Amino acid sequence: MAGTGTSARMRLQADVVAFLKERGIALIAEPTPRAVGIYNQKCTTGSKVGACFHLTC
């Protein structure tokens, strides 16, 4: 889970996306408010989830 900022201006580097994909890790990148909601929802269902949230935009 990656929050891309309130205005969705943060872009994930291609090598980060490739690194996660090679390891079978699903990546969800959304504007931060939406990413927080998805993260919280996944946590309540017991899913294994990690997150980083970009907060400066």
PDB file of N, CA and C in Angstrom:
ATOM      1  N   MET A   1       0.844  -1.156   0.000  1.00  0.00           N
ATOM      2  CA  MET A   1       0.000   0.000   0.000  1.00  0.00           C
ATOM      3  C   MET A   1       0.893   1.224   0.000  1.00  0.00           C
ATOM      4  N   ALA A   2       0.667   2.116  -0.930  1.00  0.00           N
ATOM      5  CA  ALA A   2       1.428   3.356  -0.974  1.00  0.00           C
ATOM      6  C   ALA A   2       0.472   4.518  -1.163  1.00  0.00           C
ATOM      7  N   GLY A   3       0.561   5.470  -0.276  1.00  0.00           N
ATOM      8  CA  GLY A   3      -0.196   6.704  -0.436  1.00  0.00           C
ATOM      9  C   GLY A   3       0.628   7.668  -1.259  1.00  0.00           C
ATOM     10  N   THR A   4       0.051   8.238  -2.296  1.00  0.00           N
ATOM     11  CA  THR A   4       0.789   9.082  -3.224  1.00  0.00           C
ATOM     12  C   THR A   4       0.582  10.573  -2.974  1.00  0.00           C
ATOM     13  N   GLY A   5       0.146  10.909  -1.764  1.00  0.00           N
ATOM     14  CA  GLY A   5      -0.083  12.314  -1.422  1.00  0.00           C
ATOM     15  C   GLY A   5      -1.530  12.701  -1.660  1.00  0.00           C
ATOM     16  N   THR A   6      -1.951  13.749  -1.012  1.00  0.00           N
ATOM     17  CA  THR A   6      -3.337  14.203  -1.133  1.00  0.00           C
ATOM     18  C   THR A   6      -3.688  14.517  -2.583  1.00  0.00           C
ATOM     19  N   SER A   7      -2.734  15.089  -3.298  1.00  0.00           N
ATOM     20  CA  SER A   7      -2.969  15.443  -4.701  1.00  0.00           C
ATOM     21  C   SER A   7      -2.454  14.391  -5.670  1.00  0.00           C
ATOM     22  N   ALA A   8      -2.031  13.247  -5.158  1.00  0.00           N
ATOM     23  CA  ALA A   8      -1.520  12.135  -5.970  1.00  0.00           C
ATOM     24  C   ALA A   8      -0.327  12.538  -6.831  1.00  0.00           C
ATOM     25  N   ARG A   9       0.539  13.385  -6.306  1.00  0.00           N
ATOM     26  CA  ARG A   9       1.696  13.862  -7.069  1.00  0.00           C
ATOM     27  C   ARG A   9       2.929  12.981  -6.927  1.00  0.00           C
ATOM     28  N   MET A  10       2.998  12.204  -5.872  1.00  0.00           N
ATOM     29  CA  MET A  10       4.160  11.341  -5.660  1.00  0.00           C
ATOM     30  C   MET A  10       4.067  10.142  -6.595  1.00  0.00           C
ATOM     31  N   ARG A  11       5.149   9.858  -7.260  1.00  0.00           N
ATOM     32  CA  ARG A  11       5.213   8.718  -8.179  1.00  0.00           C
ATOM     33  C   ARG A  11       6.200   7.695  -7.634  1.00  0.00           C
ATOM     34  N   LEU A  12       5.810   6.447  -7.682  1.00  0.00           N
ATOM     35  CA  LEU A  12       6.707   5.378  -7.257  1.00  0.00           C
ATOM     36  C   LEU A  12       7.749   5.137  -8.337  1.00  0.00           C
ATOM     37  N   GLN A  13       8.974   4.902  -7.927  1.00  0.00           N
ATOM     38  CA  GLN A  13      10.034   4.616  -8.882  1.00  0.00           C
ATOM     39  C   GLN A  13       9.798   3.238  -9.493  1.00  0.00           C
ATOM     40  N   ALA A  14      10.078   3.123 -10.768  1.00  0.00           N
ATOM     41  CA  ALA A  14       9.859   1.869 -11.491  1.00  0.00           C
ATOM     42  C   ALA A  14      10.610   0.704 -10.866  1.00  0.00           C
ATOM     43  N   ASP A  15      11.811   0.952 -10.342  1.00  0.00           N
ATOM     44  CA  ASP A  15      12.572  -0.149  -9.751  1.00  0.00           C
ATOM     45  C   ASP A  15      11.926  -0.652  -8.456  1.00  0.00           C
ATOM     46  N   VAL A  16      11.237   0.210  -7.740  1.00  0.00           N
ATOM     47  CA  VAL A  16      10.519  -0.218  -6.534  1.00  0.00           C
ATOM     48  C   VAL A  16       9.332  -1.097  -6.924  1.00  0.00           C
ATOM     49  N   VAL A  17       8.597  -0.665  -7.932  1.00  0.00           N
ATOM     50  CA  VAL A  17       7.454  -1.439  -8.422  1.00  0.00           C
ATOM     51  C   VAL A  17       7.921  -2.809  -8.910  1.00  0.00           C
ATOM     52  N   ALA A  18       9.009  -2.840  -9.671  1.00  0.00           N
ATOM     53  CA  ALA A  18       9.549  -4.105 -10.191  1.00  0.00           C
ATOM     54  C   ALA A  18      10.026  -5.001  -9.047  1.00  0.00           C
ATOM     55  N   PHE A  19      10.704  -4.435  -8.061  1.00  0.00           N
ATOM     56  CA  PHE A  19      11.197  -5.183  -6.909  1.00  0.00           C
ATOM     57  C   PHE A  19      10.052  -5.906  -6.204  1.00  0.00           C
ATOM     58  N   LEU A  20       8.969  -5.192  -5.944  1.00  0.00           N
ATOM     59  CA  LEU A  20       7.820  -5.789  -5.268  1.00  0.00           C
ATOM     60  C   LEU A  20       7.156  -6.862  -6.133  1.00  0.00           C
ATOM     61  N   LYS A  21       6.996  -6.570  -7.417  1.00  0.00           N
ATOM     62  CA  LYS A  21       6.355  -7.528  -8.326  1.00  0.00           C
ATOM     63  C   LYS A  21       7.153  -8.822  -8.419  1.00  0.00           C
ATOM     64  N   GLU A  22       8.474  -8.714  -8.510  1.00  0.00           N
ATOM     65  CA  GLU A  22       9.342  -9.895  -8.591  1.00  0.00           C
ATOM     66  C   GLU A  22       9.187 -10.799  -7.378  1.00  0.00           C
ATOM     67  N   ARG A  23       8.797 -10.216  -6.273  1.00  0.00           N
ATOM     68  CA  ARG A  23       8.647 -10.977  -5.032  1.00  0.00           C
ATOM     69  C   ARG A  23       7.202 -11.357  -4.745  1.00  0.00           C
ATOM     70  N   GLY A  24       6.333 -11.115  -5.700  1.00  0.00           N
ATOM     71  CA  GLY A  24       4.931 -11.493  -5.547  1.00  0.00           C
ATOM     72  C   GLY A  24       4.170 -10.633  -4.552  1.00  0.00           C
ATOM     73  N   ILE A  25       4.639  -9.414  -4.353  1.00  0.00           N
ATOM     74  CA  ILE A  25       3.990  -8.504  -3.411  1.00  0.00           C
ATOM     75  C   ILE A  25       3.076  -7.573  -4.191  1.00  0.00           C
ATOM     76  N   ALA A  26       1.787  -7.622  -3.872  1.00  0.00           N
ATOM     77  CA  ALA A  26       0.814  -6.757  -4.539  1.00  0.00           C
ATOM     78  C   ALA A  26       1.012  -5.325  -4.070  1.00  0.00           C
ATOM     79  N   LEU A  27       0.977  -4.405  -5.000  1.00  0.00           N
ATOM     80  CA  LEU A  27       1.142  -2.997  -4.685  1.00  0.00           C
ATOM     81  C   LEU A  27      -0.125  -2.249  -5.054  1.00  0.00           C
ATOM     82  N   ILE A  28      -0.640  -1.509  -4.112  1.00  0.00           N
ATOM     83  CA  ILE A  28      -1.763  -0.618  -4.364  1.00  0.00           C
ATOM     84  C   ILE A  28      -1.251   0.786  -4.114  1.00  0.00           C
ATOM     85  N   ALA A  29      -1.266   1.640  -5.129  1.00  0.00           N
ATOM     86  CA  ALA A  29      -0.829   3.024  -4.999  1.00  0.00           C
ATOM     87  C   ALA A  29      -2.026   3.914  -5.294  1.00  0.00           C
ATOM     88  N   GLU A  30      -2.422   4.686  -4.307  1.00  0.00           N
ATOM     89  CA  GLU A  30      -3.603   5.544  -4.406  1.00  0.00           C
ATOM     90  C   GLU A  30      -3.312   6.869  -3.712  1.00  0.00           C
ATOM     91  N   PRO A  31      -4.093   7.909  -4.025  1.00  0.00           N
ATOM     92  CA  PRO A  31      -3.956   9.135  -3.239  1.00  0.00           C
ATOM     93  C   PRO A  31      -4.080   8.797  -1.753  1.00  0.00           C
ATOM     94  N   THR A  32      -3.315   9.498  -0.925  1.00  0.00           N
ATOM     95  CA  THR A  32      -3.205   9.132   0.484  1.00  0.00           C
ATOM     96  C   THR A  32      -4.539   8.960   1.207  1.00  0.00           C
ATOM     97  N   PRO A  33      -5.515   9.854   1.061  1.00  0.00           N
ATOM     98  CA  PRO A  33      -6.772   9.625   1.788  1.00  0.00           C
ATOM     99  C   PRO A  33      -7.434   8.284   1.425  1.00  0.00           C
ATOM    100  N   ARG A  34      -7.414   7.939   0.154  1.00  0.00           N
ATOM    101  CA  ARG A  34      -7.989   6.667  -0.285  1.00  0.00           C
ATOM    102  C   ARG A  34      -7.131   5.494   0.192  1.00  0.00           C
ATOM    103  N   ALA A  35      -5.804   5.660   0.125  1.00  0.00           N
ATOM    104  CA  ALA A  35      -4.889   4.597   0.565  1.00  0.00           C
ATOM    105  C   ALA A  35      -5.084   4.291   2.048  1.00  0.00           C
ATOM    106  N   VAL A  36      -5.277   5.307   2.862  1.00  0.00           N
ATOM    107  CA  VAL A  36      -5.508   5.097   4.293  1.00  0.00           C
ATOM    108  C   VAL A  36      -6.783   4.289   4.504  1.00  0.00           C
ATOM    109  N   GLY A  37      -7.831   4.622   3.769  1.00  0.00           N
ATOM    110  CA  GLY A  37      -9.091   3.877   3.883  1.00  0.00           C
ATOM    111  C   GLY A  37      -8.938   2.417   3.487  1.00  0.00           C
ATOM    112  N   ILE A  38      -8.244   2.170   2.391  1.00  0.00           N
ATOM    113  CA  ILE A  38      -8.016   0.790   1.933  1.00  0.00           C
ATOM    114  C   ILE A  38      -7.168   0.043   2.951  1.00  0.00           C
ATOM    115  N   TYR A  39      -6.134   0.699   3.449  1.00  0.00           N
ATOM    116  CA  TYR A  39      -5.263   0.086   4.452  1.00  0.00           C
ATOM    117  C   TYR A  39      -6.075  -0.317   5.689  1.00  0.00           C
ATOM    118  N   ASN A  40      -6.867   0.607   6.201  1.00  0.00           N
ATOM    119  CA  ASN A  40      -7.666   0.314   7.391  1.00  0.00           C
ATOM    120  C   ASN A  40      -8.639  -0.833   7.137  1.00  0.00           C
ATOM    121  N   GLN A  41      -9.247  -0.856   5.963  1.00  0.00           N
ATOM    122  CA  GLN A  41     -10.181  -1.930   5.618  1.00  0.00           C
ATOM    123  C   GLN A  41      -9.454  -3.275   5.593  1.00  0.00           C
ATOM    124  N   LYS A  42      -8.287  -3.326   4.968  1.00  0.00           N
ATOM    125  CA  LYS A  42      -7.537  -4.578   4.893  1.00  0.00           C
ATOM    126  C   LYS A  42      -7.086  -5.035   6.277  1.00  0.00           C
ATOM    127  N   CYS A  43      -6.730  -4.100   7.141  1.00  0.00           N
ATOM    128  CA  CYS A  43      -6.330  -4.458   8.505  1.00  0.00           C
ATOM    129  C   CYS A  43      -7.474  -5.102   9.275  1.00  0.00           C
ATOM    130  N   THR A  44      -8.678  -4.624   9.074  1.00  0.00           N
ATOM    131  CA  THR A  44      -9.818  -5.173   9.815  1.00  0.00           C
ATOM    132  C   THR A  44     -10.201  -6.556   9.328  1.00  0.00           C
ATOM    133  N   THR A  45      -9.767  -6.934   8.114  1.00  0.00           N
ATOM    134  CA  THR A  45     -10.090  -8.266   7.597  1.00  0.00           C
ATOM    135  C   THR A  45      -8.985  -9.273   7.897  1.00  0.00           C
ATOM    136  N   GLY A  46      -7.930  -8.819   8.558  1.00  0.00           N
ATOM    137  CA  GLY A  46      -6.840  -9.721   8.908  1.00  0.00           C
ATOM    138  C   GLY A  46      -5.823  -9.929   7.795  1.00  0.00           C
ATOM    139  N   SER A  47      -5.907  -9.139   6.738  1.00  0.00           N
ATOM    140  CA  SER A  47      -4.940  -9.256   5.644  1.00  0.00           C
ATOM    141  C   SER A  47      -3.557  -8.830   6.113  1.00  0.00           C
ATOM    142  N   LYS A  48      -2.539  -9.453   5.552  1.00  0.00           N
ATOM    143  CA  LYS A  48      -1.175  -9.001   5.800  1.00  0.00           C
ATOM    144  C   LYS A  48      -0.960  -7.781   4.916  1.00  0.00           C
ATOM    145  N   VAL A  49      -0.646  -6.672   5.525  1.00  0.00           N
ATOM    146  CA  VAL A  49      -0.524  -5.435   4.759  1.00  0.00           C
ATOM    147  C   VAL A  49       0.536  -4.536   5.385  1.00  0.00           C
ATOM    148  N   GLY A  50       1.244  -3.852   4.531  1.00  0.00           N
ATOM    149  CA  GLY A  50       2.198  -2.841   4.954  1.00  0.00           C
ATOM    150  C   GLY A  50       1.898  -1.568   4.179  1.00  0.00           C
ATOM    151  N   ALA A  51       2.363  -0.454   4.683  1.00  0.00           N
ATOM    152  CA  ALA A  51       2.015   0.792   4.023  1.00  0.00           C
ATOM    153  C   ALA A  51       3.083   1.847   4.209  1.00  0.00           C
ATOM    154  N   CYS A  52       3.118   2.771   3.258  1.00  0.00           N
ATOM    155  CA  CYS A  52       3.885   4.002   3.381  1.00  0.00           C
ATOM    156  C   CYS A  52       2.988   5.107   2.839  1.00  0.00           C
ATOM    157  N   PHE A  53       2.963   6.206   3.532  1.00  0.00           N
ATOM    158  CA  PHE A  53       2.061   7.299   3.137  1.00  0.00           C
ATOM    159  C   PHE A  53       2.861   8.579   2.925  1.00  0.00           C
ATOM    160  N   HIS A  54       2.720   9.143   1.738  1.00  0.00           N
ATOM    161  CA  HIS A  54       3.370  10.410   1.391  1.00  0.00           C
ATOM    162  C   HIS A  54       2.441  11.523   1.853  1.00  0.00           C
ATOM    163  N   LEU A  55       2.933  12.381   2.734  1.00  0.00           N
ATOM    164  CA  LEU A  55       2.043  13.333   3.402  1.00  0.00           C
ATOM    165  C   LEU A  55       2.307  14.792   3.085  1.00  0.00           C
ATOM    166  N   THR A  56       3.267  15.105   2.249  1.00  0.00           N
ATOM    167  CA  THR A  56       3.649  16.506   2.097  1.00  0.00           C
ATOM    168  C   THR A  56       2.931  17.277   1.008  1.00  0.00           C
ATOM    169  N   CYS A  57       2.142  16.637   0.185  1.00  0.00           N
ATOM    170  CA  CYS A  57       1.428  17.349  -0.889  1.00  0.00           C
ATOM    171  C   CYS A  57       0.113  17.889  -0.374  1.00  0.00           C
TER     172      CYS A  57
END
